[in-house]
Structure formats: structure tokens, C-alpha cells
Amino acid sequence: MNRTMNDTQISLTEREQQVLRLVAAGQTTPQIAGTLCLGVETIRWYRKKLLAKFSASTSAEMVRMAIEMGLLK
């Protein structure tokens, strides 16, 4: 999924999209790990990767940006 925001293109893998949707739904890292049948450390890695892609310092900021970019409905 590609979107632009101020000339910045963000490309998310299917797994990153899944993690982003679950973060936006309010799930904690352990809950996301259980939902996706992955380890907690793996989800932490995905969350850090997502924050970096959005240049966000918090999950709330990342979710807000994703909504503004049309990545979340």
C-alpha cells in the first residue's frame, strides 16, 4: 500500500498493515502477538519499524498520520 504525505511515500507490507490496524484498534503488543500468532519481540520490532516509517514518536501520532493519509478508515 503506497500513499504520499508531503512528498513522502510510505510503503507498508501486508504484515505492517495488519499490525497498524491492530494498534489503531487499541490492542497491546502482547494482544497483537496473540492475534497474529507471533512473538512479542517480533511485534515490538514491527511497531518500531512502523514508527520509523511514519517518522512518529508515539503510536497515537502514527495512527493519526495513517488516518490522514487514508491508510486507515
Protein backbone atom coordinates (compact mmCIF):
# COMPACT_ATOMS: atom_id res chain seq x y z
CA MET A 1 0.00 0.00 0.00
CA ASN A 2 1.56 3.29 -1.07
CA ARG A 3 0.43 6.75 -0.02
CA THR A 4 2.07 10.14 -0.13
CA MET A 5 2.21 12.86 2.50
CA ASN A 6 4.17 16.00 1.82
CA ASP A 7 6.17 14.28 -0.94
CA THR A 8 6.96 11.36 1.39
CA GLN A 9 5.89 7.95 0.19
CA ILE A 10 5.14 5.28 2.77
CA SER A 11 5.03 1.71 1.61
CA LEU A 12 3.67 -0.90 4.03
CA THR A 13 3.88 -4.66 3.80
CA GLU A 14 0.75 -6.71 4.42
CA ARG A 15 2.04 -7.63 7.90
CA GLU A 16 2.80 -3.98 8.71
CA GLN A 17 -0.74 -3.10 7.65
CA GLN A 18 -2.10 -5.80 9.96
CA VAL A 19 -0.05 -4.55 12.91
CA LEU A 20 -1.02 -0.94 12.19
CA ARG A 21 -4.74 -1.84 12.12
CA LEU A 22 -4.44 -3.69 15.42
CA VAL A 23 -2.54 -0.80 17.05
CA ALA A 24 -5.28 1.55 15.83
CA ALA A 25 -7.88 -0.82 17.33
CA GLY A 26 -6.21 -0.35 20.71
CA GLN A 27 -4.56 -3.74 21.07
CA THR A 28 -1.43 -4.00 23.19
CA THR A 29 1.76 -5.59 21.93
CA PRO A 30 1.02 -8.93 23.70
CA GLN A 31 -2.53 -8.91 22.33
CA ILE A 32 -1.28 -8.27 18.78
CA ALA A 33 1.26 -11.07 19.19
CA GLY A 34 -1.54 -13.45 20.20
CA THR A 35 -3.84 -12.31 17.40
CA LEU A 36 -1.17 -12.79 14.74
CA CYS A 37 0.45 -15.86 16.36
CA LEU A 38 3.80 -14.09 16.55
CA GLY A 39 6.22 -13.40 19.39
CA VAL A 40 6.04 -10.24 21.47
CA GLU A 41 9.55 -9.23 20.37
CA THR A 42 8.51 -9.60 16.73
CA ILE A 43 5.58 -7.24 17.29
CA ARG A 44 7.85 -4.76 19.08
CA TRP A 45 10.12 -4.87 16.02
CA TYR A 46 7.18 -4.21 13.68
CA ARG A 47 5.96 -1.33 15.85
CA LYS A 48 9.41 0.28 15.87
CA LYS A 49 9.65 -0.17 12.11
CA LEU A 50 6.22 1.44 11.63
CA LEU A 51 7.08 4.39 13.89
CA ALA A 52 10.24 4.95 11.85
CA LYS A 53 8.37 4.78 8.52
CA PHE A 54 5.91 7.40 9.73
CA SER A 55 8.62 9.44 11.49
CA ALA A 56 6.33 9.35 14.51
CA SER A 57 7.37 9.34 18.15
CA THR A 58 4.20 7.75 19.52
CA SER A 59 1.67 5.18 18.38
CA ALA A 60 -1.09 7.78 18.62
CA GLU A 61 0.79 10.09 16.27
CA MET A 62 1.40 7.21 13.86
CA VAL A 63 -2.29 6.25 13.84
CA ARG A 64 -3.33 9.88 13.30
CA MET A 65 -0.95 10.17 10.36
CA ALA A 66 -2.15 6.87 8.90
CA ILE A 67 -5.77 8.07 9.07
CA GLU A 68 -4.86 11.39 7.43
CA MET A 69 -3.06 9.50 4.66
CA GLY A 70 -6.01 7.21 4.06
CA LEU A 71 -4.18 4.10 5.24
CA LEU A 72 -6.79 3.52 7.95
CA LYS A 73 -10.51 4.07 7.78
